[in-house]
Amino acid sequence: MYTFNIVGVSPILSFFNQQQDLLQKDLETGVEYLSSFECTLDALIYSVETVSPHHPWNLDEVVDTVVSFWVKNSDAISHWKDRLQDAGKDSLLVSRVADIDALKTEFELLFEN
């Protein structure tokens, strides 16, 4: 089972640096942060389809999760479309896709620290 959320808007360079930090730490989690220049269903699905191949995820289920999020969260989507437009062309929409159990573990580790 998977979860998908839009988590914010970020300058391109900040998102790139964050991703590089994660790669250097070589953390194998079931959580991925994705980016897109557009807030459209097609763009979000494309970003999910490019997730690192080291995840043993069922891509069809992940895509279904994104579509379900899109259908159920029209207010949030409108909000993030506006924020992305306000931020300008040098910014990205940032989303998170995760295996629910892995995300739960990540949150528990945050609360322990």
C-alpha atoms as a PDB file:
ATOM      1  CA  MET A   1       0.000   0.000   0.000  1.00  0.00           C
ATOM      2  CA  TYR A   2       1.273   3.445  -0.949  1.00  0.00           C
ATOM      3  CA  THR A   3       0.691   7.079  -0.162  1.00  0.00           C
ATOM      4  CA  PHE A   4       1.156  10.194  -2.262  1.00  0.00           C
ATOM      5  CA  ASN A   5       1.104  13.857  -1.237  1.00  0.00           C
ATOM      6  CA  ILE A   6       2.144  17.182  -2.630  1.00  0.00           C
ATOM      7  CA  VAL A   7       4.450  18.646   0.007  1.00  0.00           C
ATOM      8  CA  GLY A   8       5.370  22.035  -1.386  1.00  0.00           C
ATOM      9  CA  VAL A   9       7.142  24.226  -3.900  1.00  0.00           C
ATOM     10  CA  SER A  10      10.909  24.560  -3.964  1.00  0.00           C
ATOM     11  CA  PRO A  11      13.548  26.418  -5.942  1.00  0.00           C
ATOM     12  CA  ILE A  12      15.161  24.011  -8.418  1.00  0.00           C
ATOM     13  CA  LEU A  13      18.629  24.304  -6.867  1.00  0.00           C
ATOM     14  CA  SER A  14      17.356  23.632  -3.336  1.00  0.00           C
ATOM     15  CA  PHE A  15      15.549  20.483  -4.430  1.00  0.00           C
ATOM     16  CA  PHE A  16      18.594  19.299  -6.386  1.00  0.00           C
ATOM     17  CA  ASN A  17      20.868  19.844  -3.357  1.00  0.00           C
ATOM     18  CA  GLN A  18      18.448  17.976  -1.080  1.00  0.00           C
ATOM     19  CA  GLN A  19      18.351  15.036  -3.488  1.00  0.00           C
ATOM     20  CA  GLN A  20      22.163  14.972  -3.687  1.00  0.00           C
ATOM     21  CA  ASP A  21      22.394  14.932   0.119  1.00  0.00           C
ATOM     22  CA  LEU A  22      20.057  11.937   0.219  1.00  0.00           C
ATOM     23  CA  LEU A  23      22.097  10.107  -2.422  1.00  0.00           C
ATOM     24  CA  GLN A  24      25.319  10.700  -0.486  1.00  0.00           C
ATOM     25  CA  LYS A  25      23.753   9.305   2.672  1.00  0.00           C
ATOM     26  CA  ASP A  26      22.814   6.226   0.639  1.00  0.00           C
ATOM     27  CA  LEU A  27      19.632   5.727   2.622  1.00  0.00           C
ATOM     28  CA  GLU A  28      17.465   2.883   1.372  1.00  0.00           C
ATOM     29  CA  THR A  29      14.000   3.998   2.405  1.00  0.00           C
ATOM     30  CA  GLY A  30      10.628   3.377   0.926  1.00  0.00           C
ATOM     31  CA  VAL A  31      10.101   7.116   0.565  1.00  0.00           C
ATOM     32  CA  GLU A  32      10.886   9.215  -2.519  1.00  0.00           C
ATOM     33  CA  TYR A  33      10.595  12.947  -3.026  1.00  0.00           C
ATOM     34  CA  LEU A  34       9.729  13.839  -6.597  1.00  0.00           C
ATOM     35  CA  SER A  35       9.610  17.031  -8.580  1.00  0.00           C
ATOM     36  CA  SER A  36       7.669  18.453 -11.478  1.00  0.00           C
ATOM     37  CA  PHE A  37       7.600  21.767 -13.328  1.00  0.00           C
ATOM     38  CA  GLU A  38       3.812  21.486 -13.635  1.00  0.00           C
ATOM     39  CA  CYS A  39       0.934  20.638 -11.355  1.00  0.00           C
ATOM     40  CA  THR A  40      -0.949  18.336 -13.695  1.00  0.00           C
ATOM     41  CA  LEU A  41      -1.959  14.717 -13.309  1.00  0.00           C
ATOM     42  CA  ASP A  42       0.196  13.739 -16.288  1.00  0.00           C
ATOM     43  CA  ALA A  43       3.260  15.478 -14.824  1.00  0.00           C
ATOM     44  CA  LEU A  44       2.787  13.801 -11.436  1.00  0.00           C
ATOM     45  CA  ILE A  45       2.364  10.371 -13.000  1.00  0.00           C
ATOM     46  CA  TYR A  46       5.489  10.931 -15.090  1.00  0.00           C
ATOM     47  CA  SER A  47       7.471  11.896 -11.973  1.00  0.00           C
ATOM     48  CA  VAL A  48       6.327   8.679 -10.275  1.00  0.00           C
ATOM     49  CA  GLU A  49       7.281   6.585 -13.295  1.00  0.00           C
ATOM     50  CA  THR A  50      10.854   7.884 -13.054  1.00  0.00           C
ATOM     51  CA  VAL A  51      11.352   6.796  -9.424  1.00  0.00           C
ATOM     52  CA  SER A  52      14.654   5.055  -8.766  1.00  0.00           C
ATOM     53  CA  PRO A  53      14.565   1.435  -9.837  1.00  0.00           C
ATOM     54  CA  HIS A  54      15.880   0.274  -6.440  1.00  0.00           C
ATOM     55  CA  HIS A  55      12.333   0.304  -5.080  1.00  0.00           C
ATOM     56  CA  PRO A  56      10.467  -2.980  -5.456  1.00  0.00           C
ATOM     57  CA  TRP A  57       7.216  -1.068  -5.874  1.00  0.00           C
ATOM     58  CA  ASN A  58       4.224  -2.096  -7.910  1.00  0.00           C
ATOM     59  CA  LEU A  59       4.163   0.807 -10.358  1.00  0.00           C
ATOM     60  CA  ASP A  60       0.510   0.287 -11.275  1.00  0.00           C
ATOM     61  CA  GLU A  61      -0.507   0.593  -7.615  1.00  0.00           C
ATOM     62  CA  VAL A  62       1.641   3.698  -7.157  1.00  0.00           C
ATOM     63  CA  VAL A  63       0.066   5.339 -10.219  1.00  0.00           C
ATOM     64  CA  ASP A  64      -3.402   4.394  -8.912  1.00  0.00           C
ATOM     65  CA  THR A  65      -2.484   6.109  -5.634  1.00  0.00           C
ATOM     66  CA  VAL A  66      -1.517   9.301  -7.487  1.00  0.00           C
ATOM     67  CA  VAL A  67      -4.758   9.258  -9.497  1.00  0.00           C
ATOM     68  CA  SER A  68      -6.771   8.690  -6.319  1.00  0.00           C
ATOM     69  CA  PHE A  69      -5.014  11.640  -4.651  1.00  0.00           C
ATOM     70  CA  TRP A  70      -5.780  13.801  -7.693  1.00  0.00           C
ATOM     71  CA  VAL A  71      -9.473  12.878  -7.714  1.00  0.00           C
ATOM     72  CA  LYS A  72      -9.986  13.383  -3.975  1.00  0.00           C
ATOM     73  CA  ASN A  73      -7.982  16.590  -3.378  1.00  0.00           C
ATOM     74  CA  SER A  74      -9.090  19.247  -5.851  1.00  0.00           C
ATOM     75  CA  ASP A  75      -8.750  22.081  -3.306  1.00  0.00           C
ATOM     76  CA  ALA A  76      -5.178  21.125  -2.414  1.00  0.00           C
ATOM     77  CA  ILE A  77      -4.284  20.752  -6.089  1.00  0.00           C
ATOM     78  CA  SER A  78      -5.638  24.220  -6.867  1.00  0.00           C
ATOM     79  CA  HIS A  79      -3.660  25.614  -3.947  1.00  0.00           C
ATOM     80  CA  TRP A  80      -0.393  24.048  -5.117  1.00  0.00           C
ATOM     81  CA  LYS A  81      -0.992  25.077  -8.755  1.00  0.00           C
ATOM     82  CA  ASP A  82      -1.327  28.675  -7.554  1.00  0.00           C
ATOM     83  CA  ARG A  83       1.754  28.452  -5.312  1.00  0.00           C
ATOM     84  CA  LEU A  84       3.826  26.981  -8.154  1.00  0.00           C
ATOM     85  CA  GLN A  85       2.712  29.735 -10.500  1.00  0.00           C
ATOM     86  CA  ASP A  86       3.457  32.396  -7.845  1.00  0.00           C
ATOM     87  CA  ALA A  87       6.954  30.956  -7.300  1.00  0.00           C
ATOM     88  CA  GLY A  88       7.997  31.430 -10.925  1.00  0.00           C
ATOM     89  CA  LYS A  89       9.756  29.388 -13.562  1.00  0.00           C
ATOM     90  CA  ASP A  90      12.777  28.512 -11.400  1.00  0.00           C
ATOM     91  CA  SER A  91      10.684  26.465  -8.997  1.00  0.00           C
ATOM     92  CA  LEU A  92       9.371  22.925  -8.797  1.00  0.00           C
ATOM     93  CA  LEU A  93       6.367  21.230  -7.306  1.00  0.00           C
ATOM     94  CA  VAL A  94       7.619  18.700  -4.755  1.00  0.00           C
ATOM     95  CA  SER A  95       5.667  15.576  -3.938  1.00  0.00           C
ATOM     96  CA  ARG A  96       6.252  12.478  -1.868  1.00  0.00           C
ATOM     97  CA  VAL A  97       5.438   8.904  -2.738  1.00  0.00           C
ATOM     98  CA  ALA A  98       6.024   6.185  -0.205  1.00  0.00           C
ATOM     99  CA  ASP A  99       5.309   2.716   0.924  1.00  0.00           C
ATOM    100  CA  ILE A 100       3.033   3.381   3.913  1.00  0.00           C
ATOM    101  CA  ASP A 101       5.020   1.153   6.266  1.00  0.00           C
ATOM    102  CA  ALA A 102       8.290   2.856   5.275  1.00  0.00           C
ATOM    103  CA  LEU A 103       6.784   6.296   5.808  1.00  0.00           C
ATOM    104  CA  LYS A 104       5.506   5.248   9.227  1.00  0.00           C
ATOM    105  CA  THR A 105       9.010   4.058  10.142  1.00  0.00           C
ATOM    106  CA  GLU A 106      10.527   7.335   8.929  1.00  0.00           C
ATOM    107  CA  PHE A 107       8.113   9.360  11.066  1.00  0.00           C
ATOM    108  CA  GLU A 108       8.802   7.180  14.115  1.00  0.00           C
ATOM    109  CA  LEU A 109      12.535   7.763  13.672  1.00  0.00           C
ATOM    110  CA  LEU A 110      11.931  11.520  13.545  1.00  0.00           C
ATOM    111  CA  PHE A 111      10.027  11.422  16.816  1.00  0.00           C
ATOM    112  CA  GLU A 112      12.776   9.383  18.478  1.00  0.00           C
ATOM    113  CA  ASN A 113      15.458  11.981  17.619  1.00  0.00           C
END
